[in-house]
């Protein structure tokens, strides 16, 4: 299987699809965001999910692209909510144009995602594909809302955090694989199994991202190391530290979390040292490995073609090994 061929077909569709022309203020931001690149992992997963059960993956390219357009819609709106100035090292849409334009362009992207999906799915699968797309889209929004809620909540449990990242990040990976499998004629049971694999891989990815934010190599990680510490973001590491800290360690951590004015390097260093004292890195690595091990066990229990399962296994392990 040639992964580059799958990527080329996805990009070819994106390059030749017109979201609309006028008014240009509505459509130019969509072209701008979609041309910023990205790994295109989700559409690849649709095609890889399809190939687990059937060779004619070209049929699933429009469905794969619809997932990528939906994903970028969520990024456009997330950037507004996060007041993020940059996306993939370029100005975000709301920064380059305005928040109102970014909201409206994002709305059109969601509509176009459905339009592309409907254009490329056989009638016998369309109703079920739309139902599953709808459920996934709602889950992603629920995850984003929980993430925002957690910013103002003083106590968040580990299980609440895992469920939040499952909804916000992992369900779309799971749905991508599930959609591909469904369009290839897989049984409902196998669709649910491949979705579970994708969700557990996605949870592991997000936990690894949390870890790399503190312990990653800045040259490889691709963004500021320690940013989550600076922002008091309730990651798995911080929640575990809050749960385990006692005595002087607890006092120090609470003091750093309460400070409004501080030296960034000093705070990152101090909180990292608290994590080291509590062995938070090791606990996080164990949790990451738990979800990855669970995912690969689910993949190999799948009733699908062994060569394609191994290809998906290899692809995911390559992604796991990356540090960006």
C-alpha atoms as a PDB file:
ATOM      1  CA  UNK A   1       0.000   0.000   0.000  1.00  0.00           C
ATOM      2  CA  UNK A   2       1.335   3.426  -0.953  1.00  0.00           C
ATOM      3  CA  UNK A   3       0.442   5.982   1.713  1.00  0.00           C
ATOM      4  CA  UNK A   4       1.674   8.836  -0.485  1.00  0.00           C
ATOM      5  CA  UNK A   5      -0.885   7.879  -3.148  1.00  0.00           C
ATOM      6  CA  UNK A   6      -3.703   8.167  -0.626  1.00  0.00           C
ATOM      7  CA  UNK A   7      -2.388  11.570   0.459  1.00  0.00           C
ATOM      8  CA  UNK A   8      -2.121  12.726  -3.156  1.00  0.00           C
ATOM      9  CA  UNK A   9      -5.733  11.805  -3.879  1.00  0.00           C
ATOM     10  CA  UNK A  10      -6.919  13.685  -0.795  1.00  0.00           C
ATOM     11  CA  UNK A  11      -4.916  16.752  -1.759  1.00  0.00           C
ATOM     12  CA  UNK A  12      -6.041  16.546  -5.389  1.00  0.00           C
ATOM     13  CA  UNK A  13      -9.684  16.673  -4.284  1.00  0.00           C
ATOM     14  CA  UNK A  14      -8.975  19.609  -1.961  1.00  0.00           C
ATOM     15  CA  UNK A  15      -7.095  21.486  -4.683  1.00  0.00           C
ATOM     16  CA  UNK A  16      -9.976  21.203  -7.148  1.00  0.00           C
ATOM     17  CA  UNK A  17     -12.945  21.694  -4.852  1.00  0.00           C
ATOM     18  CA  UNK A  18     -14.574  25.142  -4.850  1.00  0.00           C
ATOM     19  CA  UNK A  19     -16.198  26.254  -1.604  1.00  0.00           C
ATOM     20  CA  UNK A  20     -17.647  29.321  -3.358  1.00  0.00           C
ATOM     21  CA  UNK A  21     -16.485  32.639  -4.819  1.00  0.00           C
ATOM     22  CA  UNK A  22     -18.665  35.539  -3.742  1.00  0.00           C
ATOM     23  CA  UNK A  23     -18.684  37.362  -1.432  1.00  0.00           C
ATOM     24  CA  UNK A  24     -14.948  36.793  -1.304  1.00  0.00           C
ATOM     25  CA  UNK A  25     -14.772  37.769   2.380  1.00  0.00           C
ATOM     26  CA  UNK A  26     -16.838  34.651   3.136  1.00  0.00           C
ATOM     27  CA  UNK A  27     -14.925  32.144   1.007  1.00  0.00           C
ATOM     28  CA  UNK A  28     -11.327  33.399   0.950  1.00  0.00           C
ATOM     29  CA  UNK A  29     -10.816  32.571   4.650  1.00  0.00           C
ATOM     30  CA  UNK A  30     -11.847  28.967   3.978  1.00  0.00           C
ATOM     31  CA  UNK A  31      -9.330  28.605   1.140  1.00  0.00           C
ATOM     32  CA  UNK A  32      -6.723  30.288   3.331  1.00  0.00           C
ATOM     33  CA  UNK A  33      -7.209  27.904   6.255  1.00  0.00           C
ATOM     34  CA  UNK A  34      -7.440  24.774   4.125  1.00  0.00           C
ATOM     35  CA  UNK A  35      -4.216  25.738   2.333  1.00  0.00           C
ATOM     36  CA  UNK A  36      -2.249  26.078   5.586  1.00  0.00           C
ATOM     37  CA  UNK A  37      -1.592  22.364   5.389  1.00  0.00           C
ATOM     38  CA  UNK A  38      -1.542  19.996   8.340  1.00  0.00           C
ATOM     39  CA  UNK A  39      -0.951  16.268   8.596  1.00  0.00           C
ATOM     40  CA  UNK A  40      -4.321  15.332   6.983  1.00  0.00           C
ATOM     41  CA  UNK A  41      -4.383  12.429   9.422  1.00  0.00           C
ATOM     42  CA  UNK A  42      -8.173  12.170   9.686  1.00  0.00           C
ATOM     43  CA  UNK A  43      -8.892  11.767   5.959  1.00  0.00           C
ATOM     44  CA  UNK A  44      -6.041   9.259   5.761  1.00  0.00           C
ATOM     45  CA  UNK A  45      -7.710   7.283   8.546  1.00  0.00           C
ATOM     46  CA  UNK A  46     -10.969   7.198   6.570  1.00  0.00           C
ATOM     47  CA  UNK A  47      -9.133   5.620   3.642  1.00  0.00           C
ATOM     48  CA  UNK A  48      -7.142   3.270   5.853  1.00  0.00           C
ATOM     49  CA  UNK A  49     -10.358   2.223   7.580  1.00  0.00           C
ATOM     50  CA  UNK A  50     -11.832   1.498   4.158  1.00  0.00           C
ATOM     51  CA  UNK A  51      -8.799  -0.522   3.078  1.00  0.00           C
ATOM     52  CA  UNK A  52      -9.145  -2.822   6.048  1.00  0.00           C
ATOM     53  CA  UNK A  53     -12.138  -4.338   4.257  1.00  0.00           C
ATOM     54  CA  UNK A  54     -11.933  -3.412   0.549  1.00  0.00           C
ATOM     55  CA  UNK A  55      -9.356  -2.303  -2.029  1.00  0.00           C
ATOM     56  CA  UNK A  56     -11.424   0.282  -3.922  1.00  0.00           C
ATOM     57  CA  UNK A  57     -10.558   3.106  -1.515  1.00  0.00           C
ATOM     58  CA  UNK A  58     -10.899   5.804  -4.202  1.00  0.00           C
ATOM     59  CA  UNK A  59     -14.667   5.671  -3.632  1.00  0.00           C
ATOM     60  CA  UNK A  60     -14.135   7.001  -0.109  1.00  0.00           C
ATOM     61  CA  UNK A  61     -12.053  10.076  -1.001  1.00  0.00           C
ATOM     62  CA  UNK A  62     -14.984  12.565  -0.833  1.00  0.00           C
ATOM     63  CA  UNK A  63     -16.034  11.172   2.558  1.00  0.00           C
ATOM     64  CA  UNK A  64     -12.432  11.451   3.733  1.00  0.00           C
ATOM     65  CA  UNK A  65     -12.238  15.079   2.618  1.00  0.00           C
ATOM     66  CA  UNK A  66     -15.530  15.890   4.346  1.00  0.00           C
ATOM     67  CA  UNK A  67     -13.971  14.859   7.663  1.00  0.00           C
ATOM     68  CA  UNK A  68     -10.965  17.106   7.014  1.00  0.00           C
ATOM     69  CA  UNK A  69     -13.197  20.090   6.205  1.00  0.00           C
ATOM     70  CA  UNK A  70     -15.174  19.464   9.391  1.00  0.00           C
ATOM     71  CA  UNK A  71     -11.944  19.235  11.409  1.00  0.00           C
ATOM     72  CA  UNK A  72     -10.742  22.572  10.028  1.00  0.00           C
ATOM     73  CA  UNK A  73     -14.133  24.133  10.796  1.00  0.00           C
ATOM     74  CA  UNK A  74     -13.599  23.189  14.453  1.00  0.00           C
ATOM     75  CA  UNK A  75     -10.097  24.706  14.335  1.00  0.00           C
ATOM     76  CA  UNK A  76     -11.420  27.989  12.943  1.00  0.00           C
ATOM     77  CA  UNK A  77     -13.968  28.314  15.747  1.00  0.00           C
ATOM     78  CA  UNK A  78     -11.555  27.017  18.415  1.00  0.00           C
ATOM     79  CA  UNK A  79      -9.074  29.739  17.458  1.00  0.00           C
ATOM     80  CA  UNK A  80     -11.749  32.374  18.051  1.00  0.00           C
ATOM     81  CA  UNK A  81     -12.614  30.961  21.479  1.00  0.00           C
ATOM     82  CA  UNK A  82      -8.943  30.605  22.439  1.00  0.00           C
ATOM     83  CA  UNK A  83      -8.074  34.047  21.004  1.00  0.00           C
ATOM     84  CA  UNK A  84      -5.178  32.292  19.266  1.00  0.00           C
ATOM     85  CA  UNK A  85      -3.051  34.584  17.078  1.00  0.00           C
ATOM     86  CA  UNK A  86      -1.408  31.815  15.029  1.00  0.00           C
ATOM     87  CA  UNK A  87      -2.412  28.561  13.362  1.00  0.00           C
ATOM     88  CA  UNK A  88       0.399  26.509  11.783  1.00  0.00           C
ATOM     89  CA  UNK A  89       2.711  29.532  12.206  1.00  0.00           C
ATOM     90  CA  UNK A  90       0.379  31.799  10.191  1.00  0.00           C
ATOM     91  CA  UNK A  91      -2.182  34.379  11.371  1.00  0.00           C
ATOM     92  CA  UNK A  92      -5.495  32.821  12.366  1.00  0.00           C
ATOM     93  CA  UNK A  93      -8.581  33.695  10.314  1.00  0.00           C
ATOM     94  CA  UNK A  94     -10.127  35.912  12.993  1.00  0.00           C
ATOM     95  CA  UNK A  95      -6.802  37.783  13.284  1.00  0.00           C
ATOM     96  CA  UNK A  96      -6.325  38.200   9.533  1.00  0.00           C
ATOM     97  CA  UNK A  97      -9.966  39.135   8.859  1.00  0.00           C
ATOM     98  CA  UNK A  98     -12.301  39.499  11.872  1.00  0.00           C
ATOM     99  CA  UNK A  99     -14.122  37.373  14.426  1.00  0.00           C
ATOM    100  CA  UNK A 100     -17.450  37.867  12.649  1.00  0.00           C
ATOM    101  CA  UNK A 101     -16.016  36.706   9.328  1.00  0.00           C
ATOM    102  CA  UNK A 102     -14.328  33.709  10.999  1.00  0.00           C
ATOM    103  CA  UNK A 103     -17.626  32.660  12.621  1.00  0.00           C
ATOM    104  CA  UNK A 104     -19.548  32.920   9.356  1.00  0.00           C
ATOM    105  CA  UNK A 105     -16.833  31.259   7.248  1.00  0.00           C
ATOM    106  CA  UNK A 106     -16.662  28.461   9.812  1.00  0.00           C
ATOM    107  CA  UNK A 107     -20.423  27.995   9.535  1.00  0.00           C
ATOM    108  CA  UNK A 108     -20.093  27.616   5.754  1.00  0.00           C
ATOM    109  CA  UNK A 109     -17.281  25.087   6.234  1.00  0.00           C
ATOM    110  CA  UNK A 110     -19.608  22.907   8.310  1.00  0.00           C
ATOM    111  CA  UNK A 111     -22.253  23.105   5.571  1.00  0.00           C
ATOM    112  CA  UNK A 112     -19.664  22.234   2.916  1.00  0.00           C
ATOM    113  CA  UNK A 113     -18.444  19.263   4.962  1.00  0.00           C
ATOM    114  CA  UNK A 114     -21.963  17.804   4.788  1.00  0.00           C
ATOM    115  CA  UNK A 115     -22.248  18.695   1.106  1.00  0.00           C
ATOM    116  CA  UNK A 116     -19.028  16.849   0.271  1.00  0.00           C
ATOM    117  CA  UNK A 117     -20.043  13.843   2.355  1.00  0.00           C
ATOM    118  CA  UNK A 118     -23.427  13.608   0.648  1.00  0.00           C
ATOM    119  CA  UNK A 119     -21.846  13.866  -2.806  1.00  0.00           C
ATOM    120  CA  UNK A 120     -19.557  10.900  -2.236  1.00  0.00           C
ATOM    121  CA  UNK A 121     -21.530   8.330  -0.255  1.00  0.00           C
ATOM    122  CA  UNK A 122     -23.704   5.645  -1.817  1.00  0.00           C
ATOM    123  CA  UNK A 123     -27.397   5.951  -1.016  1.00  0.00           C
ATOM    124  CA  UNK A 124     -27.417   2.692   0.950  1.00  0.00           C
ATOM    125  CA  UNK A 125     -24.882   4.134   3.422  1.00  0.00           C
ATOM    126  CA  UNK A 126     -25.877   7.804   3.387  1.00  0.00           C
ATOM    127  CA  UNK A 127     -28.453   7.902   6.198  1.00  0.00           C
ATOM    128  CA  UNK A 128     -26.199   5.967   8.590  1.00  0.00           C
ATOM    129  CA  UNK A 129     -23.162   8.051   7.605  1.00  0.00           C
ATOM    130  CA  UNK A 130     -25.059  11.272   8.349  1.00  0.00           C
ATOM    131  CA  UNK A 131     -26.344   9.932  11.670  1.00  0.00           C
ATOM    132  CA  UNK A 132     -22.829   9.005  12.777  1.00  0.00           C
ATOM    133  CA  UNK A 133     -21.394  12.283  11.480  1.00  0.00           C
ATOM    134  CA  UNK A 134     -24.039  14.192  13.470  1.00  0.00           C
ATOM    135  CA  UNK A 135     -23.282  12.266  16.652  1.00  0.00           C
ATOM    136  CA  UNK A 136     -19.549  12.809  16.279  1.00  0.00           C
ATOM    137  CA  UNK A 137     -19.977  16.541  15.596  1.00  0.00           C
ATOM    138  CA  UNK A 138     -22.091  16.954  18.722  1.00  0.00           C
ATOM    139  CA  UNK A 139     -19.546  15.034  20.817  1.00  0.00           C
ATOM    140  CA  UNK A 140     -16.720  17.298  19.619  1.00  0.00           C
ATOM    141  CA  UNK A 141     -18.741  20.359  20.684  1.00  0.00           C
ATOM    142  CA  UNK A 142     -19.503  18.744  24.042  1.00  0.00           C
ATOM    143  CA  UNK A 143     -15.794  18.129  24.564  1.00  0.00           C
ATOM    144  CA  UNK A 144     -14.952  21.733  23.766  1.00  0.00           C
ATOM    145  CA  UNK A 145     -17.580  22.948  26.245  1.00  0.00           C
ATOM    146  CA  UNK A 146     -16.265  20.644  28.985  1.00  0.00           C
ATOM    147  CA  UNK A 147     -12.758  21.951  28.303  1.00  0.00           C
ATOM    148  CA  UNK A 148     -13.988  25.526  28.759  1.00  0.00           C
ATOM    149  CA  UNK A 149     -15.941  24.555  31.877  1.00  0.00           C
ATOM    150  CA  UNK A 150     -12.812  23.041  33.414  1.00  0.00           C
ATOM    151  CA  UNK A 151     -11.022  26.405  33.205  1.00  0.00           C
ATOM    152  CA  UNK A 152     -13.199  27.780  36.015  1.00  0.00           C
ATOM    153  CA  UNK A 153     -13.723  24.596  38.030  1.00  0.00           C
ATOM    154  CA  UNK A 154     -11.455  24.044  41.015  1.00  0.00           C
ATOM    155  CA  UNK A 155     -11.675  20.263  40.988  1.00  0.00           C
ATOM    156  CA  UNK A 156     -11.604  18.049  37.904  1.00  0.00           C
ATOM    157  CA  UNK A 157     -11.167  14.287  38.256  1.00  0.00           C
ATOM    158  CA  UNK A 158      -8.937  12.128  36.090  1.00  0.00           C
ATOM    159  CA  UNK A 159     -11.962  10.340  34.648  1.00  0.00           C
ATOM    160  CA  UNK A 160     -13.618  13.671  33.773  1.00  0.00           C
ATOM    161  CA  UNK A 161     -10.464  14.815  31.993  1.00  0.00           C
ATOM    162  CA  UNK A 162     -10.105  11.570  30.032  1.00  0.00           C
ATOM    163  CA  UNK A 163     -13.742  11.809  28.942  1.00  0.00           C
ATOM    164  CA  UNK A 164     -13.238  15.440  27.881  1.00  0.00           C
ATOM    165  CA  UNK A 165     -10.258  14.624  25.640  1.00  0.00           C
ATOM    166  CA  UNK A 166     -12.094  11.593  24.283  1.00  0.00           C
ATOM    167  CA  UNK A 167     -14.932  13.852  23.151  1.00  0.00           C
ATOM    168  CA  UNK A 168     -12.914  16.859  22.055  1.00  0.00           C
ATOM    169  CA  UNK A 169     -10.127  15.054  20.199  1.00  0.00           C
ATOM    170  CA  UNK A 170     -10.393  11.283  20.069  1.00  0.00           C
ATOM    171  CA  UNK A 171     -13.934  10.694  18.786  1.00  0.00           C
ATOM    172  CA  UNK A 172     -13.121  12.286  15.424  1.00  0.00           C
ATOM    173  CA  UNK A 173     -10.192   9.896  14.924  1.00  0.00           C
ATOM    174  CA  UNK A 174     -12.457   6.993  15.825  1.00  0.00           C
ATOM    175  CA  UNK A 175     -15.223   8.230  13.545  1.00  0.00           C
ATOM    176  CA  UNK A 176     -12.795   8.625  10.635  1.00  0.00           C
ATOM    177  CA  UNK A 177     -11.860   4.939  10.812  1.00  0.00           C
ATOM    178  CA  UNK A 178     -15.476   3.914  11.440  1.00  0.00           C
ATOM    179  CA  UNK A 179     -16.720   5.875   8.423  1.00  0.00           C
ATOM    180  CA  UNK A 180     -14.173   4.261   6.118  1.00  0.00           C
ATOM    181  CA  UNK A 181     -15.025   0.800   7.422  1.00  0.00           C
ATOM    182  CA  UNK A 182     -18.766   1.428   7.009  1.00  0.00           C
ATOM    183  CA  UNK A 183     -18.394   2.573   3.394  1.00  0.00           C
ATOM    184  CA  UNK A 184     -16.357  -0.571   2.659  1.00  0.00           C
ATOM    185  CA  UNK A 185     -19.229  -2.751   3.880  1.00  0.00           C
ATOM    186  CA  UNK A 186     -17.888  -3.756   7.307  1.00  0.00           C
ATOM    187  CA  UNK A 187     -20.359  -5.095   9.835  1.00  0.00           C
ATOM    188  CA  UNK A 188     -21.691  -2.823  12.569  1.00  0.00           C
ATOM    189  CA  UNK A 189     -19.665  -4.826  15.111  1.00  0.00           C
ATOM    190  CA  UNK A 190     -16.406  -4.278  13.240  1.00  0.00           C
ATOM    191  CA  UNK A 191     -17.232  -0.582  12.750  1.00  0.00           C
ATOM    192  CA  UNK A 192     -17.581  -0.148  16.510  1.00  0.00           C
ATOM    193  CA  UNK A 193     -14.337  -2.039  17.120  1.00  0.00           C
ATOM    194  CA  UNK A 194     -12.314   0.131  14.740  1.00  0.00           C
ATOM    195  CA  UNK A 195     -13.882   3.255  16.243  1.00  0.00           C
ATOM    196  CA  UNK A 196     -12.805   2.131  19.725  1.00  0.00           C
ATOM    197  CA  UNK A 197      -9.269   1.612  18.426  1.00  0.00           C
ATOM    198  CA  UNK A 198      -9.208   5.142  17.016  1.00  0.00           C
ATOM    199  CA  UNK A 199     -10.610   6.684  20.194  1.00  0.00           C
ATOM    200  CA  UNK A 200      -8.054   4.997  22.450  1.00  0.00           C
ATOM    201  CA  UNK A 201      -5.220   5.986  20.114  1.00  0.00           C
ATOM    202  CA  UNK A 202      -6.582   9.550  20.200  1.00  0.00           C
ATOM    203  CA  UNK A 203      -6.651   9.637  24.004  1.00  0.00           C
ATOM    204  CA  UNK A 204      -3.069   8.393  24.052  1.00  0.00           C
ATOM    205  CA  UNK A 205      -2.050  11.086  21.533  1.00  0.00           C
ATOM    206  CA  UNK A 206      -3.568  13.872  23.657  1.00  0.00           C
ATOM    207  CA  UNK A 207      -1.947  12.602  26.848  1.00  0.00           C
ATOM    208  CA  UNK A 208       1.366  12.455  25.011  1.00  0.00           C
ATOM    209  CA  UNK A 209       0.804  16.035  23.860  1.00  0.00           C
ATOM    210  CA  UNK A 210       0.245  17.017  27.511  1.00  0.00           C
ATOM    211  CA  UNK A 211       3.519  15.304  28.423  1.00  0.00           C
ATOM    212  CA  UNK A 212       5.517  16.867  25.598  1.00  0.00           C
ATOM    213  CA  UNK A 213       4.266  20.312  26.568  1.00  0.00           C
ATOM    214  CA  UNK A 214       6.351  19.942  29.738  1.00  0.00           C
ATOM    215  CA  UNK A 215       9.092  17.493  28.783  1.00  0.00           C
ATOM    216  CA  UNK A 216       9.349  17.801  24.998  1.00  0.00           C
ATOM    217  CA  UNK A 217      12.271  19.038  22.942  1.00  0.00           C
ATOM    218  CA  UNK A 218      11.312  22.600  21.851  1.00  0.00           C
ATOM    219  CA  UNK A 219      12.911  22.070  18.428  1.00  0.00           C
ATOM    220  CA  UNK A 220      10.781  18.975  17.790  1.00  0.00           C
ATOM    221  CA  UNK A 221       7.594  19.805  19.690  1.00  0.00           C
ATOM    222  CA  UNK A 222       6.702  22.749  17.452  1.00  0.00           C
ATOM    223  CA  UNK A 223       5.357  25.086  20.123  1.00  0.00           C
ATOM    224  CA  UNK A 224       6.346  26.658  23.415  1.00  0.00           C
ATOM    225  CA  UNK A 225       7.346  24.034  25.973  1.00  0.00           C
ATOM    226  CA  UNK A 226       5.687  24.815  29.313  1.00  0.00           C
ATOM    227  CA  UNK A 227       2.769  26.704  27.805  1.00  0.00           C
ATOM    228  CA  UNK A 228       0.249  24.605  29.722  1.00  0.00           C
ATOM    229  CA  UNK A 229       2.067  25.335  32.997  1.00  0.00           C
ATOM    230  CA  UNK A 230       2.071  29.061  32.278  1.00  0.00           C
ATOM    231  CA  UNK A 231      -1.683  29.001  31.580  1.00  0.00           C
ATOM    232  CA  UNK A 232      -2.562  26.733  34.544  1.00  0.00           C
ATOM    233  CA  UNK A 233      -4.206  24.463  31.979  1.00  0.00           C
ATOM    234  CA  UNK A 234      -5.804  21.471  33.645  1.00  0.00           C
ATOM    235  CA  UNK A 235      -3.872  18.747  31.856  1.00  0.00           C
ATOM    236  CA  UNK A 236      -3.494  15.188  33.070  1.00  0.00           C
ATOM    237  CA  UNK A 237      -0.127  16.145  34.600  1.00  0.00           C
ATOM    238  CA  UNK A 238      -1.501  19.047  36.631  1.00  0.00           C
ATOM    239  CA  UNK A 239      -4.567  17.126  37.786  1.00  0.00           C
ATOM    240  CA  UNK A 240      -2.373  14.226  38.910  1.00  0.00           C
ATOM    241  CA  UNK A 241      -0.058  16.641  40.743  1.00  0.00           C
ATOM    242  CA  UNK A 242      -2.970  18.356  42.504  1.00  0.00           C
ATOM    243  CA  UNK A 243      -4.327  14.966  43.574  1.00  0.00           C
ATOM    244  CA  UNK A 244      -0.991  13.707  44.911  1.00  0.00           C
ATOM    245  CA  UNK A 245       0.747  16.774  46.368  1.00  0.00           C
ATOM    246  CA  UNK A 246       0.934  17.006  50.164  1.00  0.00           C
ATOM    247  CA  UNK A 247       2.589  19.249  52.742  1.00  0.00           C
ATOM    248  CA  UNK A 248       5.144  21.756  51.435  1.00  0.00           C
ATOM    249  CA  UNK A 249       4.844  20.411  47.891  1.00  0.00           C
ATOM    250  CA  UNK A 250       1.097  21.077  47.918  1.00  0.00           C
ATOM    251  CA  UNK A 251       1.649  24.589  49.309  1.00  0.00           C
ATOM    252  CA  UNK A 252       4.233  25.391  46.619  1.00  0.00           C
ATOM    253  CA  UNK A 253       1.986  24.122  43.832  1.00  0.00           C
ATOM    254  CA  UNK A 254      -1.024  26.065  45.108  1.00  0.00           C
ATOM    255  CA  UNK A 255       1.091  29.231  45.378  1.00  0.00           C
ATOM    256  CA  UNK A 256       2.235  28.951  41.775  1.00  0.00           C
ATOM    257  CA  UNK A 257      -1.306  28.298  40.566  1.00  0.00           C
ATOM    258  CA  UNK A 258      -2.575  31.366  42.449  1.00  0.00           C
ATOM    259  CA  UNK A 259       0.063  33.833  41.236  1.00  0.00           C
ATOM    260  CA  UNK A 260      -1.045  36.368  38.641  1.00  0.00           C
ATOM    261  CA  UNK A 261       2.320  38.035  38.058  1.00  0.00           C
ATOM    262  CA  UNK A 262       5.338  35.782  37.695  1.00  0.00           C
ATOM    263  CA  UNK A 263       8.502  35.110  35.728  1.00  0.00           C
ATOM    264  CA  UNK A 264       7.546  32.544  33.069  1.00  0.00           C
ATOM    265  CA  UNK A 265      10.805  30.599  33.123  1.00  0.00           C
ATOM    266  CA  UNK A 266      10.802  30.500  36.912  1.00  0.00           C
ATOM    267  CA  UNK A 267       7.238  29.157  37.070  1.00  0.00           C
ATOM    268  CA  UNK A 268       7.832  26.511  34.395  1.00  0.00           C
ATOM    269  CA  UNK A 269      10.996  25.345  36.166  1.00  0.00           C
ATOM    270  CA  UNK A 270       9.377  25.291  39.625  1.00  0.00           C
ATOM    271  CA  UNK A 271       6.230  23.419  38.568  1.00  0.00           C
ATOM    272  CA  UNK A 272       8.297  20.961  36.514  1.00  0.00           C
ATOM    273  CA  UNK A 273      10.383  20.250  39.606  1.00  0.00           C
ATOM    274  CA  UNK A 274       7.173  19.558  41.548  1.00  0.00           C
ATOM    275  CA  UNK A 275       6.135  17.139  38.799  1.00  0.00           C
ATOM    276  CA  UNK A 276       9.542  15.459  39.062  1.00  0.00           C
ATOM    277  CA  UNK A 277       9.226  15.121  42.824  1.00  0.00           C
ATOM    278  CA  UNK A 278       5.812  13.485  42.444  1.00  0.00           C
ATOM    279  CA  UNK A 279       6.991  11.287  39.517  1.00  0.00           C
ATOM    280  CA  UNK A 280       4.242  12.726  37.341  1.00  0.00           C
ATOM    281  CA  UNK A 281       6.182  12.062  34.132  1.00  0.00           C
ATOM    282  CA  UNK A 282       6.388   8.345  34.864  1.00  0.00           C
ATOM    283  CA  UNK A 283       2.697   8.155  35.833  1.00  0.00           C
ATOM    284  CA  UNK A 284       1.707   9.949  32.622  1.00  0.00           C
ATOM    285  CA  UNK A 285       3.873   7.653  30.500  1.00  0.00           C
ATOM    286  CA  UNK A 286       2.189   4.637  32.106  1.00  0.00           C
ATOM    287  CA  UNK A 287      -1.256   6.071  31.339  1.00  0.00           C
ATOM    288  CA  UNK A 288      -0.277   6.805  27.725  1.00  0.00           C
ATOM    289  CA  UNK A 289       1.026   3.261  27.309  1.00  0.00           C
ATOM    290  CA  UNK A 290      -2.184   1.861  28.789  1.00  0.00           C
ATOM    291  CA  UNK A 291      -4.312   3.508  26.078  1.00  0.00           C
ATOM    292  CA  UNK A 292      -1.918   2.628  23.255  1.00  0.00           C
ATOM    293  CA  UNK A 293      -1.708  -1.019  24.382  1.00  0.00           C
ATOM    294  CA  UNK A 294      -5.502  -1.207  24.646  1.00  0.00           C
ATOM    295  CA  UNK A 295      -5.880   0.290  21.156  1.00  0.00           C
ATOM    296  CA  UNK A 296      -3.471  -2.110  19.440  1.00  0.00           C
ATOM    297  CA  UNK A 297      -5.096  -5.083  21.175  1.00  0.00           C
ATOM    298  CA  UNK A 298      -8.449  -3.916  19.772  1.00  0.00           C
ATOM    299  CA  UNK A 299      -6.957  -3.519  16.294  1.00  0.00           C
ATOM    300  CA  UNK A 300      -5.567  -7.030  16.191  1.00  0.00           C
ATOM    301  CA  UNK A 301      -8.869  -8.508  17.416  1.00  0.00           C
ATOM    302  CA  UNK A 302     -10.593  -6.888  14.434  1.00  0.00           C
ATOM    303  CA  UNK A 303     -12.021  -9.235  11.810  1.00  0.00           C
ATOM    304  CA  UNK A 304     -10.298  -7.599   8.843  1.00  0.00           C
ATOM    305  CA  UNK A 305      -7.463  -8.285   6.397  1.00  0.00           C
ATOM    306  CA  UNK A 306      -4.219  -9.000   8.256  1.00  0.00           C
ATOM    307  CA  UNK A 307      -1.924  -7.148   5.847  1.00  0.00           C
ATOM    308  CA  UNK A 308      -4.034  -4.009   6.101  1.00  0.00           C
ATOM    309  CA  UNK A 309      -4.260  -4.287   9.900  1.00  0.00           C
ATOM    310  CA  UNK A 310      -0.479  -4.485  10.043  1.00  0.00           C
ATOM    311  CA  UNK A 311      -0.151  -1.455   7.769  1.00  0.00           C
ATOM    312  CA  UNK A 312      -2.466   0.560  10.047  1.00  0.00           C
ATOM    313  CA  UNK A 313      -0.515  -0.691  13.068  1.00  0.00           C
ATOM    314  CA  UNK A 314       2.782   0.444  11.520  1.00  0.00           C
ATOM    315  CA  UNK A 315       1.324   3.815  10.492  1.00  0.00           C
ATOM    316  CA  UNK A 316       0.055   4.547  13.998  1.00  0.00           C
ATOM    317  CA  UNK A 317       3.290   3.471  15.654  1.00  0.00           C
ATOM    318  CA  UNK A 318       5.186   5.890  13.393  1.00  0.00           C
ATOM    319  CA  UNK A 319       2.857   8.708  14.477  1.00  0.00           C
ATOM    320  CA  UNK A 320       3.304   7.758  18.137  1.00  0.00           C
ATOM    321  CA  UNK A 321       7.094   7.920  17.790  1.00  0.00           C
ATOM    322  CA  UNK A 322       6.972  11.508  16.525  1.00  0.00           C
ATOM    323  CA  UNK A 323       7.462  14.440  18.883  1.00  0.00           C
ATOM    324  CA  UNK A 324       5.383  17.097  17.121  1.00  0.00           C
END
